[in-house]
Full PDB file with SEQRES, HELIX, SHEET, SSBOND, CRYST1, ORIGX, SCALE, CONECT and MASTER records, all heavy atoms in Angstrom:
SEQRES   1 A   40  LEU ALA VAL ARG ARG ILE ILE ASP ARG TRP ALA ASP ARG          
SEQRES   2 A   40  ARG LEU GLY GLU MET LEU ASP TYR VAL TYR LEU HIS THR          
SEQRES   3 A   40  GLU PRO MET GLU ARG ALA GLU ARG GLY LYS PRO LEU ASP          
SEQRES   4 A   40  PHE                                                          
HELIX    1 AA1 ALA A    2  TRP A   10  1                                   9    
HELIX    2 AA2 LEU A   15  HIS A   25  1                                  11    
HELIX    3 AA3 GLU A   27  MET A   29  5                                   3    
CRYST1    1.000    1.000    1.000  90.00  90.00  90.00 P 1           1          
ORIGX1      1.000000  0.000000  0.000000        0.00000                         
ORIGX2      0.000000  1.000000  0.000000        0.00000                         
ORIGX3      0.000000  0.000000  1.000000        0.00000                         
SCALE1      1.000000  0.000000  0.000000        0.00000                         
SCALE2      0.000000  1.000000  0.000000        0.00000                         
SCALE3      0.000000  0.000000  1.000000        0.00000                         
ATOM      1  N   LEU A   1      12.137   6.325 -11.644  1.00  0.00           N  
ATOM      2  CA  LEU A   1      11.921   7.385 -10.634  1.00  0.00           C  
ATOM      3  C   LEU A   1      10.749   7.009  -9.696  1.00  0.00           C  
ATOM      4  O   LEU A   1      10.807   7.288  -8.454  1.00  0.00           O  
ATOM      5  CB  LEU A   1      11.701   8.718 -11.333  1.00  0.00           C  
ATOM      6  CG  LEU A   1      12.906   9.325 -11.980  1.00  0.00           C  
ATOM      7  CD1 LEU A   1      12.482  10.558 -12.783  1.00  0.00           C  
ATOM      8  CD2 LEU A   1      13.993   9.647 -10.945  1.00  0.00           C  
ATOM      9  N   ALA A   2       9.709   6.416 -10.270  1.00  0.00           N  
ATOM     10  CA  ALA A   2       8.529   6.035  -9.493  1.00  0.00           C  
ATOM     11  C   ALA A   2       8.935   5.014  -8.486  1.00  0.00           C  
ATOM     12  O   ALA A   2       8.563   5.052  -7.292  1.00  0.00           O  
ATOM     13  CB  ALA A   2       7.440   5.545 -10.394  1.00  0.00           C  
ATOM     14  N   VAL A   3       9.697   3.991  -8.920  1.00  0.00           N  
ATOM     15  CA  VAL A   3      10.171   2.898  -7.982  1.00  0.00           C  
ATOM     16  C   VAL A   3      11.059   3.518  -6.882  1.00  0.00           C  
ATOM     17  O   VAL A   3      10.970   3.210  -5.759  1.00  0.00           O  
ATOM     18  CB  VAL A   3      10.884   1.795  -8.771  1.00  0.00           C  
ATOM     19  CG1 VAL A   3      11.591   0.797  -7.784  1.00  0.00           C  
ATOM     20  CG2 VAL A   3       9.919   1.095  -9.693  1.00  0.00           C  
ATOM     21  N   ARG A   4      11.965   4.452  -7.288  1.00  0.00           N  
ATOM     22  CA  ARG A   4      12.852   5.077  -6.305  1.00  0.00           C  
ATOM     23  C   ARG A   4      12.018   5.886  -5.257  1.00  0.00           C  
ATOM     24  O   ARG A   4      12.349   5.856  -4.094  1.00  0.00           O  
ATOM     25  CB  ARG A   4      13.849   5.985  -7.026  1.00  0.00           C  
ATOM     26  CG  ARG A   4      15.004   5.292  -7.659  1.00  0.00           C  
ATOM     27  CD  ARG A   4      16.043   6.219  -8.207  1.00  0.00           C  
ATOM     28  NE  ARG A   4      16.961   5.453  -9.055  1.00  0.00           N  
ATOM     29  CZ  ARG A   4      17.987   4.717  -8.551  1.00  0.00           C  
ATOM     30  NH1 ARG A   4      18.147   4.597  -7.285  1.00  0.00           N  
ATOM     31  NH2 ARG A   4      18.793   4.111  -9.410  1.00  0.00           N  
ATOM     32  N   ARG A   5      10.959   6.550  -5.733  1.00  0.00           N  
ATOM     33  CA  ARG A   5      10.115   7.282  -4.779  1.00  0.00           C  
ATOM     34  C   ARG A   5       9.494   6.332  -3.777  1.00  0.00           C  
ATOM     35  O   ARG A   5       9.415   6.661  -2.610  1.00  0.00           O  
ATOM     36  CB  ARG A   5       9.018   8.025  -5.571  1.00  0.00           C  
ATOM     37  CG  ARG A   5       9.377   9.442  -5.986  1.00  0.00           C  
ATOM     38  CD  ARG A   5       8.200  10.334  -6.352  1.00  0.00           C  
ATOM     39  NE  ARG A   5       7.285   9.617  -7.296  1.00  0.00           N  
ATOM     40  CZ  ARG A   5       7.340   9.627  -8.617  1.00  0.00           C  
ATOM     41  NH1 ARG A   5       8.336  10.261  -9.155  1.00  0.00           N  
ATOM     42  NH2 ARG A   5       6.457   9.004  -9.348  1.00  0.00           N  
ATOM     43  N   ILE A   6       9.028   5.264  -4.265  1.00  0.00           N  
ATOM     44  CA  ILE A   6       8.379   4.260  -3.349  1.00  0.00           C  
ATOM     45  C   ILE A   6       9.379   3.727  -2.387  1.00  0.00           C  
ATOM     46  O   ILE A   6       9.147   3.670  -1.172  1.00  0.00           O  
ATOM     47  CB  ILE A   6       7.732   3.114  -4.173  1.00  0.00           C  
ATOM     48  CG1 ILE A   6       6.537   3.652  -5.003  1.00  0.00           C  
ATOM     49  CG2 ILE A   6       7.312   1.953  -3.262  1.00  0.00           C  
ATOM     50  CD1 ILE A   6       6.011   2.685  -6.008  1.00  0.00           C  
ATOM     51  N   ILE A   7      10.559   3.399  -2.843  1.00  0.00           N  
ATOM     52  CA  ILE A   7      11.625   2.861  -2.013  1.00  0.00           C  
ATOM     53  C   ILE A   7      12.077   3.928  -0.970  1.00  0.00           C  
ATOM     54  O   ILE A   7      12.161   3.703   0.186  1.00  0.00           O  
ATOM     55  CB  ILE A   7      12.854   2.323  -2.763  1.00  0.00           C  
ATOM     56  CG1 ILE A   7      12.447   1.074  -3.587  1.00  0.00           C  
ATOM     57  CG2 ILE A   7      14.034   2.049  -1.872  1.00  0.00           C  
ATOM     58  CD1 ILE A   7      13.466   0.667  -4.589  1.00  0.00           C  
ATOM     59  N   ASP A   8      12.261   5.153  -1.442  1.00  0.00           N  
ATOM     60  CA  ASP A   8      12.628   6.215  -0.548  1.00  0.00           C  
ATOM     61  C   ASP A   8      11.656   6.502   0.535  1.00  0.00           C  
ATOM     62  O   ASP A   8      11.978   6.753   1.707  1.00  0.00           O  
ATOM     63  CB  ASP A   8      12.867   7.568  -1.342  1.00  0.00           C  
ATOM     64  CG  ASP A   8      14.088   7.613  -2.195  1.00  0.00           C  
ATOM     65  OD1 ASP A   8      15.037   6.746  -1.944  1.00  0.00           O  
ATOM     66  OD2 ASP A   8      14.233   8.430  -3.046  1.00  0.00           O  
ATOM     67  N   ARG A   9      10.365   6.364   0.179  1.00  0.00           N  
ATOM     68  CA  ARG A   9       9.316   6.595   1.136  1.00  0.00           C  
ATOM     69  C   ARG A   9       9.277   5.564   2.246  1.00  0.00           C  
ATOM     70  O   ARG A   9       9.017   5.917   3.415  1.00  0.00           O  
ATOM     71  CB  ARG A   9       7.963   6.682   0.431  1.00  0.00           C  
ATOM     72  CG  ARG A   9       6.821   7.003   1.415  1.00  0.00           C  
ATOM     73  CD  ARG A   9       5.558   7.292   0.659  1.00  0.00           C  
ATOM     74  NE  ARG A   9       4.498   7.656   1.648  1.00  0.00           N  
ATOM     75  CZ  ARG A   9       3.281   7.812   1.345  1.00  0.00           C  
ATOM     76  NH1 ARG A   9       2.879   7.739   0.065  1.00  0.00           N  
ATOM     77  NH2 ARG A   9       2.398   8.164   2.264  1.00  0.00           N  
ATOM     78  N   TRP A  10       9.523   4.328   1.898  1.00  0.00           N  
ATOM     79  CA  TRP A  10       9.233   3.284   2.799  1.00  0.00           C  
ATOM     80  C   TRP A  10      10.446   2.533   3.430  1.00  0.00           C  
ATOM     81  O   TRP A  10      10.344   1.741   4.371  1.00  0.00           O  
ATOM     82  CB  TRP A  10       8.250   2.197   2.200  1.00  0.00           C  
ATOM     83  CG  TRP A  10       6.960   2.858   1.825  1.00  0.00           C  
ATOM     84  CD1 TRP A  10       6.538   3.148   0.599  1.00  0.00           C  
ATOM     85  CD2 TRP A  10       6.035   3.296   2.781  1.00  0.00           C  
ATOM     86  NE1 TRP A  10       5.305   3.730   0.665  1.00  0.00           N  
ATOM     87  CE2 TRP A  10       4.945   3.858   2.015  1.00  0.00           C  
ATOM     88  CE3 TRP A  10       5.857   3.383   4.163  1.00  0.00           C  
ATOM     89  CZ2 TRP A  10       3.819   4.428   2.580  1.00  0.00           C  
ATOM     90  CZ3 TRP A  10       4.771   3.913   4.697  1.00  0.00           C  
ATOM     91  CH2 TRP A  10       3.701   4.438   3.928  1.00  0.00           C  
ATOM     92  N   ALA A  11      11.610   2.744   2.812  1.00  0.00           N  
ATOM     93  CA  ALA A  11      12.806   1.985   3.195  1.00  0.00           C  
ATOM     94  C   ALA A  11      13.124   2.013   4.671  1.00  0.00           C  
ATOM     95  O   ALA A  11      13.462   0.994   5.285  1.00  0.00           O  
ATOM     96  CB  ALA A  11      14.034   2.445   2.406  1.00  0.00           C  
ATOM     97  N   ASP A  12      13.091   3.180   5.248  1.00  0.00           N  
ATOM     98  CA  ASP A  12      13.498   3.271   6.644  1.00  0.00           C  
ATOM     99  C   ASP A  12      12.314   3.397   7.607  1.00  0.00           C  
ATOM    100  O   ASP A  12      12.486   3.680   8.795  1.00  0.00           O  
ATOM    101  CB  ASP A  12      14.411   4.442   6.861  1.00  0.00           C  
ATOM    102  CG  ASP A  12      13.809   5.841   6.468  1.00  0.00           C  
ATOM    103  OD1 ASP A  12      12.689   5.827   5.935  1.00  0.00           O  
ATOM    104  OD2 ASP A  12      14.510   6.822   6.607  1.00  0.00           O  
ATOM    105  N   ARG A  13      11.097   3.064   7.121  1.00  0.00           N  
ATOM    106  CA  ARG A  13       9.915   3.109   7.992  1.00  0.00           C  
ATOM    107  C   ARG A  13       9.577   1.729   8.502  1.00  0.00           C  
ATOM    108  O   ARG A  13       9.884   0.758   7.829  1.00  0.00           O  
ATOM    109  CB  ARG A  13       8.747   3.657   7.239  1.00  0.00           C  
ATOM    110  CG  ARG A  13       8.960   5.137   6.812  1.00  0.00           C  
ATOM    111  CD  ARG A  13       7.673   5.862   6.767  1.00  0.00           C  
ATOM    112  NE  ARG A  13       7.889   7.186   6.192  1.00  0.00           N  
ATOM    113  CZ  ARG A  13       6.956   7.813   5.645  1.00  0.00           C  
ATOM    114  NH1 ARG A  13       5.693   7.366   5.523  1.00  0.00           N  
ATOM    115  NH2 ARG A  13       7.152   9.075   5.153  1.00  0.00           N  
ATOM    116  N   ARG A  14       8.942   1.709   9.596  1.00  0.00           N  
ATOM    117  CA  ARG A  14       8.491   0.443  10.206  1.00  0.00           C  
ATOM    118  C   ARG A  14       7.448  -0.196   9.301  1.00  0.00           C  
ATOM    119  O   ARG A  14       6.664   0.439   8.624  1.00  0.00           O  
ATOM    120  CB  ARG A  14       7.972   0.632  11.602  1.00  0.00           C  
ATOM    121  CG  ARG A  14       9.003   1.191  12.559  1.00  0.00           C  
ATOM    122  CD  ARG A  14       8.437   1.444  13.947  1.00  0.00           C  
ATOM    123  NE  ARG A  14       7.826   0.260  14.488  1.00  0.00           N  
ATOM    124  CZ  ARG A  14       8.347  -0.664  15.247  1.00  0.00           C  
ATOM    125  NH1 ARG A  14       9.627  -0.453  15.570  1.00  0.00           N  
ATOM    126  NH2 ARG A  14       7.744  -1.667  15.699  1.00  0.00           N  
ATOM    127  N   LEU A  15       7.417  -1.524   9.293  1.00  0.00           N  
ATOM    128  CA  LEU A  15       6.492  -2.270   8.548  1.00  0.00           C  
ATOM    129  C   LEU A  15       5.058  -1.887   8.836  1.00  0.00           C  
ATOM    130  O   LEU A  15       4.215  -1.732   7.898  1.00  0.00           O  
ATOM    131  CB  LEU A  15       6.672  -3.814   8.722  1.00  0.00           C  
ATOM    132  CG  LEU A  15       5.678  -4.751   7.984  1.00  0.00           C  
ATOM    133  CD1 LEU A  15       5.763  -4.527   6.490  1.00  0.00           C  
ATOM    134  CD2 LEU A  15       5.938  -6.151   8.395  1.00  0.00           C  
ATOM    135  N   GLY A  16       4.726  -1.678  10.107  1.00  0.00           N  
ATOM    136  CA  GLY A  16       3.393  -1.287  10.474  1.00  0.00           C  
ATOM    137  C   GLY A  16       2.841  -0.027   9.777  1.00  0.00           C  
ATOM    138  O   GLY A  16       1.737   0.032   9.357  1.00  0.00           O  
ATOM    139  N   GLU A  17       3.766   0.960   9.597  1.00  0.00           N  
ATOM    140  CA  GLU A  17       3.408   2.182   8.878  1.00  0.00           C  
ATOM    141  C   GLU A  17       3.071   1.881   7.400  1.00  0.00           C  
ATOM    142  O   GLU A  17       2.068   2.403   6.894  1.00  0.00           O  
ATOM    143  CB  GLU A  17       4.551   3.196   8.900  1.00  0.00           C  
ATOM    144  CG  GLU A  17       4.719   3.921  10.181  1.00  0.00           C  
ATOM    145  CD  GLU A  17       5.890   4.891  10.012  1.00  0.00           C  
ATOM    146  OE1 GLU A  17       5.668   5.943   9.408  1.00  0.00           O  
ATOM    147  OE2 GLU A  17       7.010   4.665  10.506  1.00  0.00           O  
ATOM    148  N   MET A  18       3.896   1.023   6.823  1.00  0.00           N  
ATOM    149  CA  MET A  18       3.678   0.718   5.407  1.00  0.00           C  
ATOM    150  C   MET A  18       2.368  -0.095   5.298  1.00  0.00           C  
ATOM    151  O   MET A  18       1.566   0.164   4.331  1.00  0.00           O  
ATOM    152  CB  MET A  18       4.814  -0.138   4.914  1.00  0.00           C  
ATOM    153  CG  MET A  18       4.790  -0.498   3.461  1.00  0.00           C  
ATOM    154  SD  MET A  18       6.185  -1.506   2.960  1.00  0.00           S  
ATOM    155  CE  MET A  18       6.351  -1.094   1.239  1.00  0.00           C  
ATOM    156  N   LEU A  19       2.104  -1.057   6.191  1.00  0.00           N  
ATOM    157  CA  LEU A  19       0.867  -1.765   6.102  1.00  0.00           C  
ATOM    158  C   LEU A  19      -0.354  -0.918   6.301  1.00  0.00           C  
ATOM    159  O   LEU A  19      -1.367  -1.063   5.592  1.00  0.00           O  
ATOM    160  CB  LEU A  19       0.843  -2.895   7.124  1.00  0.00           C  
ATOM    161  CG  LEU A  19       1.925  -4.031   6.895  1.00  0.00           C  
ATOM    162  CD1 LEU A  19       1.856  -5.056   8.064  1.00  0.00           C  
ATOM    163  CD2 LEU A  19       1.805  -4.678   5.581  1.00  0.00           C  
ATOM    164  N   ASP A  20      -0.284  -0.006   7.262  1.00  0.00           N  
ATOM    165  CA  ASP A  20      -1.424   0.950   7.456  1.00  0.00           C  
ATOM    166  C   ASP A  20      -1.705   1.690   6.132  1.00  0.00           C  
ATOM    167  O   ASP A  20      -2.833   1.844   5.686  1.00  0.00           O  
ATOM    168  CB  ASP A  20      -1.123   1.983   8.511  1.00  0.00           C  
ATOM    169  CG  ASP A  20      -1.276   1.364   9.873  1.00  0.00           C  
ATOM    170  OD1 ASP A  20      -1.838   0.269  10.047  1.00  0.00           O  
ATOM    171  OD2 ASP A  20      -0.820   2.071  10.868  1.00  0.00           O  
ATOM    172  N   TYR A  21      -0.674   2.163   5.442  1.00  0.00           N  
ATOM    173  CA  TYR A  21      -0.892   2.889   4.213  1.00  0.00           C  
ATOM    174  C   TYR A  21      -1.456   1.960   3.116  1.00  0.00           C  
ATOM    175  O   TYR A  21      -2.438   2.329   2.495  1.00  0.00           O  
ATOM    176  CB  TYR A  21       0.498   3.503   3.716  1.00  0.00           C  
ATOM    177  CG  TYR A  21       0.345   4.129   2.372  1.00  0.00           C  
ATOM    178  CD1 TYR A  21      -0.239   5.379   2.276  1.00  0.00           C  
ATOM    179  CD2 TYR A  21       0.724   3.509   1.219  1.00  0.00           C  
ATOM    180  CE1 TYR A  21      -0.439   5.992   1.015  1.00  0.00           C  
ATOM    181  CE2 TYR A  21       0.568   4.063  -0.003  1.00  0.00           C  
ATOM    182  CZ  TYR A  21      -0.009   5.335  -0.111  1.00  0.00           C  
ATOM    183  OH  TYR A  21      -0.156   5.932  -1.366  1.00  0.00           O  
ATOM    184  N   VAL A  22      -0.815   0.807   2.993  1.00  0.00           N  
ATOM    185  CA  VAL A  22      -1.308  -0.144   1.932  1.00  0.00           C  
ATOM    186  C   VAL A  22      -2.772  -0.561   2.152  1.00  0.00           C  
ATOM    187  O   VAL A  22      -3.524  -0.590   1.263  1.00  0.00           O  
ATOM    188  CB  VAL A  22      -0.357  -1.379   1.887  1.00  0.00           C  
ATOM    189  CG1 VAL A  22      -0.985  -2.530   1.084  1.00  0.00           C  
ATOM    190  CG2 VAL A  22       1.000  -0.945   1.238  1.00  0.00           C  
ATOM    191  N   TYR A  23      -3.071  -0.912   3.390  1.00  0.00           N  
ATOM    192  CA  TYR A  23      -4.414  -1.451   3.679  1.00  0.00           C  
ATOM    193  C   TYR A  23      -5.514  -0.327   3.671  1.00  0.00           C  
ATOM    194  O   TYR A  23      -6.611  -0.627   3.297  1.00  0.00           O  
ATOM    195  CB  TYR A  23      -4.435  -2.081   5.065  1.00  0.00           C  
ATOM    196  CG  TYR A  23      -3.572  -3.290   5.278  1.00  0.00           C  
ATOM    197  CD1 TYR A  23      -3.271  -3.839   6.501  1.00  0.00           C  
ATOM    198  CD2 TYR A  23      -2.939  -3.916   4.207  1.00  0.00           C  
ATOM    199  CE1 TYR A  23      -2.509  -4.938   6.721  1.00  0.00           C  
ATOM    200  CE2 TYR A  23      -2.129  -5.054   4.350  1.00  0.00           C  
ATOM    201  CZ  TYR A  23      -1.939  -5.563   5.637  1.00  0.00           C  
ATOM    202  OH  TYR A  23      -1.156  -6.641   5.848  1.00  0.00           O  
ATOM    203  N   LEU A  24      -5.151   0.877   4.138  1.00  0.00           N  
ATOM    204  CA  LEU A  24      -6.159   1.863   4.361  1.00  0.00           C  
ATOM    205  C   LEU A  24      -6.147   2.988   3.364  1.00  0.00           C  
ATOM    206  O   LEU A  24      -7.129   3.776   3.300  1.00  0.00           O  
ATOM    207  CB  LEU A  24      -6.022   2.418   5.802  1.00  0.00           C  
ATOM    208  CG  LEU A  24      -6.134   1.428   6.881  1.00  0.00           C  
ATOM    209  CD1 LEU A  24      -5.743   2.069   8.213  1.00  0.00           C  
ATOM    210  CD2 LEU A  24      -7.420   0.710   6.906  1.00  0.00           C  
ATOM    211  N   HIS A  25      -5.049   3.157   2.559  1.00  0.00           N  
ATOM    212  CA  HIS A  25      -4.956   4.388   1.774  1.00  0.00           C  
ATOM    213  C   HIS A  25      -4.610   4.108   0.268  1.00  0.00           C  
ATOM    214  O   HIS A  25      -4.131   5.008  -0.404  1.00  0.00           O  
ATOM    215  CB  HIS A  25      -3.888   5.330   2.351  1.00  0.00           C  
ATOM    216  CG  HIS A  25      -4.226   5.745   3.732  1.00  0.00           C  
ATOM    217  ND1 HIS A  25      -5.270   6.611   4.058  1.00  0.00           N  
ATOM    218  CD2 HIS A  25      -3.720   5.328   4.974  1.00  0.00           C  
ATOM    219  CE1 HIS A  25      -5.347   6.768   5.399  1.00  0.00           C  
ATOM    220  NE2 HIS A  25      -4.424   6.008   5.937  1.00  0.00           N  
ATOM    221  N   THR A  26      -4.786   2.922  -0.236  1.00  0.00           N  
ATOM    222  CA  THR A  26      -4.552   2.649  -1.604  1.00  0.00           C  
ATOM    223  C   THR A  26      -5.892   2.283  -2.264  1.00  0.00           C  
ATOM    224  O   THR A  26      -6.722   1.621  -1.701  1.00  0.00           O  
ATOM    225  CB  THR A  26      -3.510   1.516  -1.848  1.00  0.00           C  
ATOM    226  OG1 THR A  26      -4.040   0.314  -1.237  1.00  0.00           O  
ATOM    227  CG2 THR A  26      -2.152   1.900  -1.281  1.00  0.00           C  
ATOM    228  N   GLU A  27      -6.075   2.819  -3.496  1.00  0.00           N  
ATOM    229  CA  GLU A  27      -7.356   2.748  -4.112  1.00  0.00           C  
ATOM    230  C   GLU A  27      -7.878   1.309  -4.288  1.00  0.00           C  
ATOM    231  O   GLU A  27      -9.088   1.036  -4.027  1.00  0.00           O  
ATOM    232  CB  GLU A  27      -7.348   3.403  -5.490  1.00  0.00           C  
ATOM    233  CG  GLU A  27      -7.112   4.887  -5.476  1.00  0.00           C  
ATOM    234  CD  GLU A  27      -5.689   5.264  -5.822  1.00  0.00           C  
ATOM    235  OE1 GLU A  27      -4.729   4.586  -5.419  1.00  0.00           O  
ATOM    236  OE2 GLU A  27      -5.538   6.307  -6.534  1.00  0.00           O  
ATOM    237  N   PRO A  28      -7.067   0.288  -4.703  1.00  0.00           N  
ATOM    238  CA  PRO A  28      -7.592  -1.081  -4.861  1.00  0.00           C  
ATOM    239  C   PRO A  28      -8.181  -1.652  -3.555  1.00  0.00           C  
ATOM    240  O   PRO A  28      -8.996  -2.554  -3.614  1.00  0.00           O  
ATOM    241  CB  PRO A  28      -6.425  -1.808  -5.392  1.00  0.00           C  
ATOM    242  CG  PRO A  28      -5.546  -0.796  -6.082  1.00  0.00           C  
ATOM    243  CD  PRO A  28      -5.675   0.403  -5.246  1.00  0.00           C  
ATOM    244  N   MET A  29      -7.689  -1.207  -2.438  1.00  0.00           N  
ATOM    245  CA  MET A  29      -8.107  -1.728  -1.150  1.00  0.00           C  
ATOM    246  C   MET A  29      -9.407  -1.068  -0.669  1.00  0.00           C  
ATOM    247  O   MET A  29     -10.049  -1.638   0.239  1.00  0.00           O  
ATOM    248  CB  MET A  29      -7.051  -1.623  -0.046  1.00  0.00           C  
ATOM    249  CG  MET A  29      -5.875  -2.571  -0.226  1.00  0.00           C  
ATOM    250  SD  MET A  29      -6.408  -4.299  -0.104  1.00  0.00           S  
ATOM    251  CE  MET A  29      -7.001  -4.392   1.595  1.00  0.00           C  
ATOM    252  N   GLU A  30      -9.875   0.008  -1.295  1.00  0.00           N  
ATOM    253  CA  GLU A  30     -11.099   0.651  -0.936  1.00  0.00           C  
ATOM    254  C   GLU A  30     -12.278  -0.260  -1.178  1.00  0.00           C  
ATOM    255  O   GLU A  30     -12.434  -0.727  -2.329  1.00  0.00           O  
ATOM    256  CB  GLU A  30     -11.299   1.953  -1.676  1.00  0.00           C  
ATOM    257  CG  GLU A  30     -10.326   3.022  -1.313  1.00  0.00           C  
ATOM    258  CD  GLU A  30     -10.442   4.322  -2.218  1.00  0.00           C  
ATOM    259  OE1 GLU A  30     -11.328   4.327  -3.033  1.00  0.00           O  
ATOM    260  OE2 GLU A  30      -9.555   5.164  -2.054  1.00  0.00           O  
ATOM    261  N   ARG A  31     -13.032  -0.525  -0.190  1.00  0.00           N  
ATOM    262  CA  ARG A  31     -14.206  -1.394  -0.264  1.00  0.00           C  
ATOM    263  C   ARG A  31     -13.868  -2.785  -0.893  1.00  0.00           C  
ATOM    264  O   ARG A  31     -14.804  -3.364  -1.555  1.00  0.00           O  
ATOM    265  CB  ARG A  31     -15.360  -0.712  -0.979  1.00  0.00           C  
ATOM    266  CG  ARG A  31     -15.864   0.474  -0.215  1.00  0.00           C  
ATOM    267  CD  ARG A  31     -17.041   1.162  -0.865  1.00  0.00           C  
ATOM    268  NE  ARG A  31     -16.757   1.873  -2.109  1.00  0.00           N  
ATOM    269  CZ  ARG A  31     -16.053   3.076  -2.191  1.00  0.00           C  
ATOM    270  NH1 ARG A  31     -15.630   3.628  -1.112  1.00  0.00           N  
ATOM    271  NH2 ARG A  31     -15.853   3.651  -3.391  1.00  0.00           N  
ATOM    272  N   ALA A  32     -12.687  -3.245  -0.705  1.00  0.00           N  
ATOM    273  CA  ALA A  32     -12.282  -4.550  -1.233  1.00  0.00           C  
ATOM    274  C   ALA A  32     -12.973  -5.635  -0.429  1.00  0.00           C  
ATOM    275  O   ALA A  32     -13.207  -5.506   0.753  1.00  0.00           O  
ATOM    276  CB  ALA A  32     -10.777  -4.752  -1.264  1.00  0.00           C  
ATOM    277  N   GLU A  33     -13.253  -6.756  -1.070  1.00  0.00           N  
ATOM    278  CA  GLU A  33     -13.859  -7.929  -0.355  1.00  0.00           C  
ATOM    279  C   GLU A  33     -12.800  -9.005  -0.123  1.00  0.00           C  
ATOM    280  O   GLU A  33     -12.126  -9.333  -1.139  1.00  0.00           O  
ATOM    281  CB  GLU A  33     -15.010  -8.450  -1.133  1.00  0.00           C  
ATOM    282  CG  GLU A  33     -16.177  -7.484  -1.233  1.00  0.00           C  
ATOM    283  CD  GLU A  33     -17.348  -8.117  -1.975  1.00  0.00           C  
ATOM    284  OE1 GLU A  33     -17.748  -9.313  -1.673  1.00  0.00           O  
ATOM    285  OE2 GLU A  33     -17.845  -7.503  -2.963  1.00  0.00           O  
ATOM    286  N   ARG A  34     -12.741  -9.515   1.064  1.00  0.00           N  
ATOM    287  CA  ARG A  34     -11.751 -10.532   1.409  1.00  0.00           C  
ATOM    288  C   ARG A  34     -11.919 -11.734   0.440  1.00  0.00           C  
ATOM    289  O   ARG A  34     -12.992 -12.164   0.199  1.00  0.00           O  
ATOM    290  CB  ARG A  34     -11.935 -10.919   2.839  1.00  0.00           C  
ATOM    291  CG  ARG A  34     -10.865 -11.905   3.311  1.00  0.00           C  
ATOM    292  CD  ARG A  34     -10.742 -11.906   4.799  1.00  0.00           C  
ATOM    293  NE  ARG A  34     -10.204 -10.639   5.126  1.00  0.00           N  
ATOM    294  CZ  ARG A  34     -10.402 -10.022   6.294  1.00  0.00           C  
ATOM    295  NH1 ARG A  34     -11.079 -10.570   7.246  1.00  0.00           N  
ATOM    296  NH2 ARG A  34      -9.860  -8.838   6.532  1.00  0.00           N  
ATOM    297  N   GLY A  35     -10.759 -12.171  -0.094  1.00  0.00           N  
ATOM    298  CA  GLY A  35     -10.753 -13.297  -0.995  1.00  0.00           C  
ATOM    299  C   GLY A  35     -10.995 -12.963  -2.449  1.00  0.00           C  
ATOM    300  O   GLY A  35     -10.896 -13.853  -3.281  1.00  0.00           O  
ATOM    301  N   LYS A  36     -11.393 -11.802  -2.723  1.00  0.00           N  
ATOM    302  CA  LYS A  36     -11.754 -11.310  -4.095  1.00  0.00           C  
ATOM    303  C   LYS A  36     -10.569 -10.534  -4.693  1.00  0.00           C  
ATOM    304  O   LYS A  36      -9.753  -9.936  -4.035  1.00  0.00           O  
ATOM    305  CB  LYS A  36     -12.949 -10.427  -4.074  1.00  0.00           C  
ATOM    306  CG  LYS A  36     -14.173 -11.056  -3.436  1.00  0.00           C  
ATOM    307  CD  LYS A  36     -14.824 -11.972  -4.334  1.00  0.00           C  
ATOM    308  CE  LYS A  36     -16.178 -12.487  -3.701  1.00  0.00           C  
ATOM    309  NZ  LYS A  36     -16.850 -13.405  -4.393  1.00  0.00           N  
ATOM    310  N   PRO A  37     -10.530 -10.525  -6.116  1.00  0.00           N  
ATOM    311  CA  PRO A  37      -9.529  -9.805  -6.767  1.00  0.00           C  
ATOM    312  C   PRO A  37      -9.623  -8.317  -6.458  1.00  0.00           C  
ATOM    313  O   PRO A  37     -10.726  -7.740  -6.268  1.00  0.00           O  
ATOM    314  CB  PRO A  37      -9.798 -10.003  -8.247  1.00  0.00           C  
ATOM    315  CG  PRO A  37     -10.605 -11.280  -8.347  1.00  0.00           C  
ATOM    316  CD  PRO A  37     -11.373 -11.287  -7.009  1.00  0.00           C  
ATOM    317  N   LEU A  38      -8.460  -7.595  -6.383  1.00  0.00           N  
ATOM    318  CA  LEU A  38      -8.487  -6.144  -6.164  1.00  0.00           C  
ATOM    319  C   LEU A  38      -8.750  -5.392  -7.479  1.00  0.00           C  
ATOM    320  O   LEU A  38      -8.324  -5.874  -8.556  1.00  0.00           O  
ATOM    321  CB  LEU A  38      -7.149  -5.693  -5.589  1.00  0.00           C  
ATOM    322  CG  LEU A  38      -6.831  -6.255  -4.223  1.00  0.00           C  
ATOM    323  CD1 LEU A  38      -5.510  -5.813  -3.724  1.00  0.00           C  
ATOM    324  CD2 LEU A  38      -7.915  -5.837  -3.216  1.00  0.00           C  
ATOM    325  N   ASP A  39      -9.475  -4.316  -7.385  1.00  0.00           N  
ATOM    326  CA  ASP A  39      -9.879  -3.530  -8.548  1.00  0.00           C  
ATOM    327  C   ASP A  39      -8.930  -2.412  -8.804  1.00  0.00           C  
ATOM    328  O   ASP A  39      -9.061  -1.347  -8.172  1.00  0.00           O  
ATOM    329  CB  ASP A  39     -11.333  -3.035  -8.401  1.00  0.00           C  
ATOM    330  CG  ASP A  39     -11.851  -2.333  -9.606  1.00  0.00           C  
ATOM    331  OD1 ASP A  39     -11.133  -2.201 -10.610  1.00  0.00           O  
ATOM    332  OD2 ASP A  39     -12.969  -1.823  -9.490  1.00  0.00           O  
ATOM    333  N   PHE A  40      -7.980  -2.606  -9.710  1.00  0.00           N  
ATOM    334  CA  PHE A  40      -6.959  -1.518 -10.017  1.00  0.00           C  
ATOM    335  C   PHE A  40      -7.634  -0.408 -10.832  1.00  0.00           C  
ATOM    336  O   PHE A  40      -7.036   0.662 -10.984  1.00  0.00           O  
ATOM    337  CB  PHE A  40      -5.799  -2.129 -10.647  1.00  0.00           C  
ATOM    338  CG  PHE A  40      -4.818  -2.705  -9.690  1.00  0.00           C  
ATOM    339  CD1 PHE A  40      -5.090  -3.987  -9.113  1.00  0.00           C  
ATOM    340  CD2 PHE A  40      -3.733  -2.057  -9.199  1.00  0.00           C  
ATOM    341  CE1 PHE A  40      -4.265  -4.592  -8.232  1.00  0.00           C  
ATOM    342  CE2 PHE A  40      -2.853  -2.679  -8.287  1.00  0.00           C  
ATOM    343  CZ  PHE A  40      -3.129  -3.872  -7.790  1.00  0.00           C  
TER     344      PHE A  40                                                      
MASTER        0    0    0    3    0    0    0    6  343    1    0    4          
END                                                                             
């Protein structure tokens, strides 16, 4: 169900929308340092 929710949310959206969300609104990307591991 979690995977289906993710697919349902992003399947018909433009890549740019998805990238904005991934880069700016996911916890591991908050204050992440380029080249460093992400903190889950």
